[in-house]
Amino acid sequence: MTAEHLDGNALAGPLGEIFAVDVVSATGRCTSCGLEGPIASLRVYGPDPGLVGRCPGCDEVVLRLVRGPGTAWLDLRGTVSLRMSVPD
């Protein structure tokens, strides 16, 4: 297969539009149990060394957010999908 591709910089605009919205109102689905609900419904633990959001249904980790000086790490591997409203 010889498909042309772009580098990851092509995602800058589209991802910038998505993460410019209120993510806590987005609907996520837990990888472990399949429960869907707003990110605001997660049980959050922290703040040190970072914030951990757990599923209210099965208590598995859905997301992790760690902040450092001038940087942040966001791990969403416990989320099957994240659905949010974006402006037209």
PDB file of N, CA and C in Angstrom:
ATOM      1  N   MET A   1       0.845  -1.174   0.000  1.00  0.00           N
ATOM      2  CA  MET A   1       0.000   0.000   0.000  1.00  0.00           C
ATOM      3  C   MET A   1       0.888   1.233   0.000  1.00  0.00           C
ATOM      4  N   THR A   2       0.631   2.144  -0.907  1.00  0.00           N
ATOM      5  CA  THR A   2       1.444   3.351  -1.022  1.00  0.00           C
ATOM      6  C   THR A   2       0.555   4.592  -0.962  1.00  0.00           C
ATOM      7  N   ALA A   3      -0.094   4.785   0.132  1.00  0.00           N
ATOM      8  CA  ALA A   3      -0.970   5.945   0.304  1.00  0.00           C
ATOM      9  C   ALA A   3      -0.152   7.147   0.763  1.00  0.00           C
ATOM     10  N   GLU A   4      -0.504   8.301   0.229  1.00  0.00           N
ATOM     11  CA  GLU A   4       0.127   9.539   0.675  1.00  0.00           C
ATOM     12  C   GLU A   4      -0.426   9.887   2.059  1.00  0.00           C
ATOM     13  N   HIS A   5       0.408  10.494   2.870  1.00  0.00           N
ATOM     14  CA  HIS A   5      -0.062  10.912   4.189  1.00  0.00           C
ATOM     15  C   HIS A   5       0.538  12.257   4.554  1.00  0.00           C
ATOM     16  N   LEU A   6      -0.099  12.914   5.529  1.00  0.00           N
ATOM     17  CA  LEU A   6       0.378  14.170   6.083  1.00  0.00           C
ATOM     18  C   LEU A   6       1.000  13.888   7.432  1.00  0.00           C
ATOM     19  N   ASP A   7       1.809  14.798   7.929  1.00  0.00           N
ATOM     20  CA  ASP A   7       2.307  14.602   9.282  1.00  0.00           C
ATOM     21  C   ASP A   7       1.265  15.082  10.288  1.00  0.00           C
ATOM     22  N   GLY A   8       1.510  14.820  11.548  1.00  0.00           N
ATOM     23  CA  GLY A   8       0.564  15.130  12.610  1.00  0.00           C
ATOM     24  C   GLY A   8       0.178  16.587  12.733  1.00  0.00           C
ATOM     25  N   ASN A   9       0.965  17.489  12.133  1.00  0.00           N
ATOM     26  CA  ASN A   9       0.619  18.905  12.178  1.00  0.00           C
ATOM     27  C   ASN A   9      -0.706  19.192  11.484  1.00  0.00           C
ATOM     28  N   ALA A  10      -1.148  18.287  10.620  1.00  0.00           N
ATOM     29  CA  ALA A  10      -2.433  18.465   9.943  1.00  0.00           C
ATOM     30  C   ALA A  10      -3.603  18.384  10.916  1.00  0.00           C
ATOM     31  N   LEU A  11      -3.353  17.866  12.118  1.00  0.00           N
ATOM     32  CA  LEU A  11      -4.396  17.755  13.140  1.00  0.00           C
ATOM     33  C   LEU A  11      -4.538  19.011  13.983  1.00  0.00           C
ATOM     34  N   ALA A  12      -3.611  19.949  13.860  1.00  0.00           N
ATOM     35  CA  ALA A  12      -3.600  21.134  14.730  1.00  0.00           C
ATOM     36  C   ALA A  12      -4.905  21.904  14.689  1.00  0.00           C
ATOM     37  N   GLY A  13      -5.382  22.242  13.507  1.00  0.00           N
ATOM     38  CA  GLY A  13      -6.625  23.001  13.387  1.00  0.00           C
ATOM     39  C   GLY A  13      -7.837  22.239  13.896  1.00  0.00           C
ATOM     40  N   PRO A  14      -8.083  21.012  13.390  1.00  0.00           N
ATOM     41  CA  PRO A  14      -9.246  20.259  13.845  1.00  0.00           C
ATOM     42  C   PRO A  14      -9.237  19.960  15.346  1.00  0.00           C
ATOM     43  N   LEU A  15      -8.079  19.576  15.901  1.00  0.00           N
ATOM     44  CA  LEU A  15      -8.038  19.308  17.347  1.00  0.00           C
ATOM     45  C   LEU A  15      -8.181  20.600  18.151  1.00  0.00           C
ATOM     46  N   GLY A  16      -7.646  21.702  17.628  1.00  0.00           N
ATOM     47  CA  GLY A  16      -7.796  22.992  18.301  1.00  0.00           C
ATOM     48  C   GLY A  16      -9.250  23.408  18.388  1.00  0.00           C
ATOM     49  N   GLU A  17     -10.022  23.089  17.364  1.00  0.00           N
ATOM     50  CA  GLU A  17     -11.455  23.389  17.391  1.00  0.00           C
ATOM     51  C   GLU A  17     -12.174  22.531  18.413  1.00  0.00           C
ATOM     52  N   ILE A  18     -11.807  21.276  18.503  1.00  0.00           N
ATOM     53  CA  ILE A  18     -12.472  20.363  19.436  1.00  0.00           C
ATOM     54  C   ILE A  18     -12.167  20.732  20.874  1.00  0.00           C
ATOM     55  N   PHE A  19     -10.895  20.926  21.204  1.00  0.00           N
ATOM     56  CA  PHE A  19     -10.530  21.184  22.585  1.00  0.00           C
ATOM     57  C   PHE A  19     -10.748  22.636  23.009  1.00  0.00           C
ATOM     58  N   ALA A  20     -11.333  23.445  22.142  1.00  0.00           N
ATOM     59  CA  ALA A  20     -11.705  24.801  22.517  1.00  0.00           C
ATOM     60  C   ALA A  20     -13.102  24.816  23.130  1.00  0.00           C
ATOM     61  N   VAL A  21     -13.741  23.648  23.224  1.00  0.00           N
ATOM     62  CA  VAL A  21     -15.091  23.544  23.792  1.00  0.00           C
ATOM     63  C   VAL A  21     -15.009  23.054  25.225  1.00  0.00           C
ATOM     64  N   ASP A  22     -16.140  23.112  25.922  1.00  0.00           N
ATOM     65  CA  ASP A  22     -16.220  22.655  27.304  1.00  0.00           C
ATOM     66  C   ASP A  22     -16.228  21.132  27.329  1.00  0.00           C
ATOM     67  N   VAL A  23     -15.083  20.526  27.596  1.00  0.00           N
ATOM     68  CA  VAL A  23     -14.948  19.075  27.521  1.00  0.00           C
ATOM     69  C   VAL A  23     -15.717  18.361  28.633  1.00  0.00           C
ATOM     70  N   VAL A  24     -15.923  18.978  29.799  1.00  0.00           N
ATOM     71  CA  VAL A  24     -16.639  18.287  30.874  1.00  0.00           C
ATOM     72  C   VAL A  24     -18.096  18.020  30.522  1.00  0.00           C
ATOM     73  N   SER A  25     -18.636  18.731  29.532  1.00  0.00           N
ATOM     74  CA  SER A  25     -20.002  18.440  29.098  1.00  0.00           C
ATOM     75  C   SER A  25     -20.023  17.388  27.986  1.00  0.00           C
ATOM     76  N   ALA A  26     -18.855  16.985  27.505  1.00  0.00           N
ATOM     77  CA  ALA A  26     -18.767  15.943  26.486  1.00  0.00           C
ATOM     78  C   ALA A  26     -19.193  14.607  27.073  1.00  0.00           C
ATOM     79  N   THR A  27     -19.699  13.728  26.217  1.00  0.00           N
ATOM     80  CA  THR A  27     -20.110  12.401  26.641  1.00  0.00           C
ATOM     81  C   THR A  27     -18.999  11.411  26.328  1.00  0.00           C
ATOM     82  N   GLY A  28     -18.562  10.700  27.344  1.00  0.00           N
ATOM     83  CA  GLY A  28     -17.542   9.681  27.168  1.00  0.00           C
ATOM     84  C   GLY A  28     -18.130   8.301  27.407  1.00  0.00           C
ATOM     85  N   ARG A  29     -17.459   7.292  26.878  1.00  0.00           N
ATOM     86  CA  ARG A  29     -17.890   5.916  27.106  1.00  0.00           C
ATOM     87  C   ARG A  29     -16.721   5.134  27.677  1.00  0.00           C
ATOM     88  N   CYS A  30     -16.948   4.475  28.804  1.00  0.00           N
ATOM     89  CA  CYS A  30     -15.923   3.713  29.508  1.00  0.00           C
ATOM     90  C   CYS A  30     -15.514   2.485  28.708  1.00  0.00           C
ATOM     91  N   THR A  31     -14.213   2.278  28.574  1.00  0.00           N
ATOM     92  CA  THR A  31     -13.685   1.114  27.878  1.00  0.00           C
ATOM     93  C   THR A  31     -14.049  -0.174  28.605  1.00  0.00           C
ATOM     94  N   SER A  32     -14.071  -0.125  29.924  1.00  0.00           N
ATOM     95  CA  SER A  32     -14.281  -1.331  30.719  1.00  0.00           C
ATOM     96  C   SER A  32     -15.725  -1.815  30.736  1.00  0.00           C
ATOM     97  N   CYS A  33     -16.669  -0.928  31.093  1.00  0.00           N
ATOM     98  CA  CYS A  33     -18.059  -1.369  31.263  1.00  0.00           C
ATOM     99  C   CYS A  33     -19.020  -0.826  30.217  1.00  0.00           C
ATOM    100  N   GLY A  34     -18.585   0.138  29.412  1.00  0.00           N
ATOM    101  CA  GLY A  34     -19.423   0.688  28.358  1.00  0.00           C
ATOM    102  C   GLY A  34     -20.375   1.783  28.806  1.00  0.00           C
ATOM    103  N   LEU A  35     -20.333   2.149  30.081  1.00  0.00           N
ATOM    104  CA  LEU A  35     -21.211   3.216  30.583  1.00  0.00           C
ATOM    105  C   LEU A  35     -20.918   4.521  29.856  1.00  0.00           C
ATOM    106  N   GLU A  36     -21.965   5.193  29.389  1.00  0.00           N
ATOM    107  CA  GLU A  36     -21.826   6.501  28.751  1.00  0.00           C
ATOM    108  C   GLU A  36     -22.348   7.573  29.683  1.00  0.00           C
ATOM    109  N   GLY A  37     -21.674   8.710  29.690  1.00  0.00           N
ATOM    110  CA  GLY A  37     -22.128   9.834  30.493  1.00  0.00           C
ATOM    111  C   GLY A  37     -21.193  11.006  30.330  1.00  0.00           C
ATOM    112  N   PRO A  38     -21.598  12.160  30.853  1.00  0.00           N
ATOM    113  CA  PRO A  38     -20.747  13.342  30.740  1.00  0.00           C
ATOM    114  C   PRO A  38     -19.455  13.168  31.546  1.00  0.00           C
ATOM    115  N   ILE A  39     -18.400  13.763  31.051  1.00  0.00           N
ATOM    116  CA  ILE A  39     -17.120  13.720  31.761  1.00  0.00           C
ATOM    117  C   ILE A  39     -17.295  14.278  33.175  1.00  0.00           C
ATOM    118  N   ALA A  40     -18.223  15.207  33.342  1.00  0.00           N
ATOM    119  CA  ALA A  40     -18.485  15.789  34.658  1.00  0.00           C
ATOM    120  C   ALA A  40     -18.992  14.754  35.664  1.00  0.00           C
ATOM    121  N   SER A  41     -19.465  13.596  35.203  1.00  0.00           N
ATOM    122  CA  SER A  41     -19.974  12.578  36.124  1.00  0.00           C
ATOM    123  C   SER A  41     -18.879  11.648  36.647  1.00  0.00           C
ATOM    124  N   LEU A  42     -17.648  11.782  36.132  1.00  0.00           N
ATOM    125  CA  LEU A  42     -16.554  10.938  36.613  1.00  0.00           C
ATOM    126  C   LEU A  42     -16.248  11.230  38.069  1.00  0.00           C
ATOM    127  N   ARG A  43     -15.744  10.246  38.762  1.00  0.00           N
ATOM    128  CA  ARG A  43     -15.242  10.441  40.138  1.00  0.00           C
ATOM    129  C   ARG A  43     -13.768  10.801  40.001  1.00  0.00           C
ATOM    130  N   VAL A  44     -13.418  12.008  40.435  1.00  0.00           N
ATOM    131  CA  VAL A  44     -12.063  12.533  40.208  1.00  0.00           C
ATOM    132  C   VAL A  44     -11.271  12.519  41.512  1.00  0.00           C
ATOM    133  N   TYR A  45     -10.057  11.998  41.421  1.00  0.00           N
ATOM    134  CA  TYR A  45      -9.140  11.925  42.556  1.00  0.00           C
ATOM    135  C   TYR A  45      -7.896  12.725  42.216  1.00  0.00           C
ATOM    136  N   GLY A  46      -7.298  13.332  43.225  1.00  0.00           N
ATOM    137  CA  GLY A  46      -6.094  14.133  43.003  1.00  0.00           C
ATOM    138  C   GLY A  46      -6.036  15.254  44.008  1.00  0.00           C
ATOM    139  N   PRO A  47      -5.310  16.279  43.820  1.00  0.00           N
ATOM    140  CA  PRO A  47      -4.697  16.708  42.575  1.00  0.00           C
ATOM    141  C   PRO A  47      -3.280  16.193  42.364  1.00  0.00           C
ATOM    142  N   ASP A  48      -2.627  15.649  43.381  1.00  0.00           N
ATOM    143  CA  ASP A  48      -1.223  15.263  43.212  1.00  0.00           C
ATOM    144  C   ASP A  48      -1.064  13.755  43.132  1.00  0.00           C
ATOM    145  N   PRO A  49      -0.286  13.238  42.258  1.00  0.00           N
ATOM    146  CA  PRO A  49       0.569  13.917  41.304  1.00  0.00           C
ATOM    147  C   PRO A  49      -0.176  14.389  40.065  1.00  0.00           C
ATOM    148  N   GLY A  50      -1.455  14.056  39.950  1.00  0.00           N
ATOM    149  CA  GLY A  50      -2.279  14.502  38.831  1.00  0.00           C
ATOM    150  C   GLY A  50      -3.724  14.151  39.132  1.00  0.00           C
ATOM    151  N   LEU A  51      -4.611  14.452  38.206  1.00  0.00           N
ATOM    152  CA  LEU A  51      -6.028  14.143  38.377  1.00  0.00           C
ATOM    153  C   LEU A  51      -6.336  12.825  37.676  1.00  0.00           C
ATOM    154  N   VAL A  52      -7.107  11.971  38.342  1.00  0.00           N
ATOM    155  CA  VAL A  52      -7.522  10.693  37.785  1.00  0.00           C
ATOM    156  C   VAL A  52      -9.041  10.661  37.799  1.00  0.00           C
ATOM    157  N   GLY A  53      -9.666  10.462  36.631  1.00  0.00           N
ATOM    158  CA  GLY A  53     -11.115  10.361  36.523  1.00  0.00           C
ATOM    159  C   GLY A  53     -11.520   8.900  36.403  1.00  0.00           C
ATOM    160  N   ARG A  54     -12.343   8.427  37.342  1.00  0.00           N
ATOM    161  CA  ARG A  54     -12.789   7.027  37.342  1.00  0.00           C
ATOM    162  C   ARG A  54     -14.257   6.937  36.975  1.00  0.00           C
ATOM    163  N   CYS A  55     -14.619   5.851  36.328  1.00  0.00           N
ATOM    164  CA  CYS A  55     -15.994   5.597  35.909  1.00  0.00           C
ATOM    165  C   CYS A  55     -16.893   5.435  37.135  1.00  0.00           C
ATOM    166  N   PRO A  56     -18.040   6.108  37.165  1.00  0.00           N
ATOM    167  CA  PRO A  56     -18.953   5.945  38.306  1.00  0.00           C
ATOM    168  C   PRO A  56     -19.654   4.584  38.303  1.00  0.00           C
ATOM    169  N   GLY A  57     -19.575   3.847  37.185  1.00  0.00           N
ATOM    170  CA  GLY A  57     -20.222   2.543  37.106  1.00  0.00           C
ATOM    171  C   GLY A  57     -19.340   1.403  37.584  1.00  0.00           C
ATOM    172  N   CYS A  58     -18.069   1.389  37.146  1.00  0.00           N
ATOM    173  CA  CYS A  58     -17.190   0.255  37.463  1.00  0.00           C
ATOM    174  C   CYS A  58     -15.911   0.658  38.196  1.00  0.00           C
ATOM    175  N   ASP A  59     -15.675   1.946  38.373  1.00  0.00           N
ATOM    176  CA  ASP A  59     -14.523   2.494  39.087  1.00  0.00           C
ATOM    177  C   ASP A  59     -13.190   2.342  38.344  1.00  0.00           C
ATOM    178  N   GLU A  60     -13.231   1.941  37.072  1.00  0.00           N
ATOM    179  CA  GLU A  60     -11.989   1.873  36.287  1.00  0.00           C
ATOM    180  C   GLU A  60     -11.545   3.273  35.888  1.00  0.00           C
ATOM    181  N   VAL A  61     -10.246   3.440  35.651  1.00  0.00           N
ATOM    182  CA  VAL A  61      -9.697   4.730  35.244  1.00  0.00           C
ATOM    183  C   VAL A  61     -10.124   5.032  33.809  1.00  0.00           C
ATOM    184  N   VAL A  62     -10.739   6.194  33.615  1.00  0.00           N
ATOM    185  CA  VAL A  62     -11.179   6.648  32.299  1.00  0.00           C
ATOM    186  C   VAL A  62     -10.185   7.650  31.726  1.00  0.00           C
ATOM    187  N   LEU A  63      -9.685   8.556  32.572  1.00  0.00           N
ATOM    188  CA  LEU A  63      -8.699   9.527  32.096  1.00  0.00           C
ATOM    189  C   LEU A  63      -7.751   9.932  33.204  1.00  0.00           C
ATOM    190  N   ARG A  64      -6.592  10.409  32.761  1.00  0.00           N
ATOM    191  CA  ARG A  64      -5.574  10.944  33.674  1.00  0.00           C
ATOM    192  C   ARG A  64      -5.103  12.271  33.087  1.00  0.00           C
ATOM    193  N   LEU A  65      -4.920  13.256  33.953  1.00  0.00           N
ATOM    194  CA  LEU A  65      -4.400  14.553  33.532  1.00  0.00           C
ATOM    195  C   LEU A  65      -3.322  14.977  34.509  1.00  0.00           C
ATOM    196  N   VAL A  66      -2.124  15.161  33.987  1.00  0.00           N
ATOM    197  CA  VAL A  66      -0.989  15.593  34.807  1.00  0.00           C
ATOM    198  C   VAL A  66      -0.461  16.879  34.224  1.00  0.00           C
ATOM    199  N   ARG A  67      -0.285  17.875  35.081  1.00  0.00           N
ATOM    200  CA  ARG A  67       0.244  19.174  34.646  1.00  0.00           C
ATOM    201  C   ARG A  67       1.634  19.368  35.210  1.00  0.00           C
ATOM    202  N   GLY A  68       2.466  19.988  34.400  1.00  0.00           N
ATOM    203  CA  GLY A  68       3.800  20.377  34.825  1.00  0.00           C
ATOM    204  C   GLY A  68       4.023  21.804  34.382  1.00  0.00           C
ATOM    205  N   PRO A  69       5.155  22.390  34.709  1.00  0.00           N
ATOM    206  CA  PRO A  69       5.425  23.755  34.282  1.00  0.00           C
ATOM    207  C   PRO A  69       5.370  23.875  32.755  1.00  0.00           C
ATOM    208  N   GLY A  70       4.377  24.564  32.248  1.00  0.00           N
ATOM    209  CA  GLY A  70       4.254  24.820  30.828  1.00  0.00           C
ATOM    210  C   GLY A  70       3.849  23.624  29.978  1.00  0.00           C
ATOM    211  N   THR A  71       3.359  22.541  30.589  1.00  0.00           N
ATOM    212  CA  THR A  71       2.994  21.356  29.816  1.00  0.00           C
ATOM    213  C   THR A  71       1.892  20.560  30.513  1.00  0.00           C
ATOM    214  N   ALA A  72       1.247  19.700  29.765  1.00  0.00           N
ATOM    215  CA  ALA A  72       0.215  18.828  30.331  1.00  0.00           C
ATOM    216  C   ALA A  72       0.217  17.503  29.584  1.00  0.00           C
ATOM    217  N   TRP A  73      -0.122  16.417  30.279  1.00  0.00           N
ATOM    218  CA  TRP A  73      -0.270  15.097  29.685  1.00  0.00           C
ATOM    219  C   TRP A  73      -1.706  14.654  29.915  1.00  0.00           C
ATOM    220  N   LEU A  74      -2.371  14.236  28.851  1.00  0.00           N
ATOM    221  CA  LEU A  74      -3.746  13.767  28.922  1.00  0.00           C
ATOM    222  C   LEU A  74      -3.793  12.341  28.400  1.00  0.00           C
ATOM    223  N   ASP A  75      -4.198  11.413  29.253  1.00  0.00           N
ATOM    224  CA  ASP A  75      -4.293   9.999  28.899  1.00  0.00           C
ATOM    225  C   ASP A  75      -5.767   9.624  28.892  1.00  0.00           C
ATOM    226  N   LEU A  76      -6.296   9.282  27.729  1.00  0.00           N
ATOM    227  CA  LEU A  76      -7.708   8.928  27.574  1.00  0.00           C
ATOM    228  C   LEU A  76      -7.887   7.451  27.226  1.00  0.00           C
ATOM    229  N   ARG A  77      -6.914   6.598  27.535  1.00  0.00           N
ATOM    230  CA  ARG A  77      -7.013   5.213  27.080  1.00  0.00           C
ATOM    231  C   ARG A  77      -8.145   4.444  27.730  1.00  0.00           C
ATOM    232  N   GLY A  78      -8.748   4.934  28.789  1.00  0.00           N
ATOM    233  CA  GLY A  78      -9.906   4.289  29.401  1.00  0.00           C
ATOM    234  C   GLY A  78     -11.221   4.744  28.795  1.00  0.00           C
ATOM    235  N   THR A  79     -11.135   5.554  27.743  1.00  0.00           N
ATOM    236  CA  THR A  79     -12.315   6.098  27.077  1.00  0.00           C
ATOM    237  C   THR A  79     -12.408   5.513  25.666  1.00  0.00           C
ATOM    238  N   VAL A  80     -13.544   4.872  25.371  1.00  0.00           N
ATOM    239  CA  VAL A  80     -13.749   4.342  24.026  1.00  0.00           C
ATOM    240  C   VAL A  80     -13.931   5.490  23.049  1.00  0.00           C
ATOM    241  N   SER A  81     -14.734   6.463  23.445  1.00  0.00           N
ATOM    242  CA  SER A  81     -15.009   7.605  22.578  1.00  0.00           C
ATOM    243  C   SER A  81     -15.345   8.811  23.434  1.00  0.00           C
ATOM    244  N   LEU A  82     -15.248   9.966  22.815  1.00  0.00           N
ATOM    245  CA  LEU A  82     -15.584  11.234  23.465  1.00  0.00           C
ATOM    246  C   LEU A  82     -16.407  12.027  22.470  1.00  0.00           C
ATOM    247  N   ARG A  83     -17.692  12.238  22.790  1.00  0.00           N
ATOM    248  CA  ARG A  83     -18.594  12.945  21.886  1.00  0.00           C
ATOM    249  C   ARG A  83     -18.905  14.318  22.465  1.00  0.00           C
ATOM    250  N   MET A  84     -18.745  15.366  21.650  1.00  0.00           N
ATOM    251  CA  MET A  84     -19.004  16.720  22.144  1.00  0.00           C
ATOM    252  C   MET A  84     -19.656  17.562  21.054  1.00  0.00           C
ATOM    253  N   SER A  85     -20.347  18.565  21.485  1.00  0.00           N
ATOM    254  CA  SER A  85     -20.927  19.533  20.562  1.00  0.00           C
ATOM    255  C   SER A  85     -19.866  20.541  20.184  1.00  0.00           C
ATOM    256  N   VAL A  86     -19.796  20.860  18.912  1.00  0.00           N
ATOM    257  CA  VAL A  86     -18.848  21.867  18.434  1.00  0.00           C
ATOM    258  C   VAL A  86     -19.618  22.881  17.604  1.00  0.00           C
ATOM    259  N   PRO A  87     -19.150  24.117  17.577  1.00  0.00           N
ATOM    260  CA  PRO A  87     -19.834  25.135  16.780  1.00  0.00           C
ATOM    261  C   PRO A  87     -19.770  24.790  15.287  1.00  0.00           C
ATOM    262  N   ASP A  88     -20.798  25.186  14.555  1.00  0.00           N
ATOM    263  CA  ASP A  88     -20.832  24.944  13.097  1.00  0.00           C
ATOM    264  C   ASP A  88     -19.868  25.834  12.367  1.00  0.00           C
TER     265      ASP A  88
END
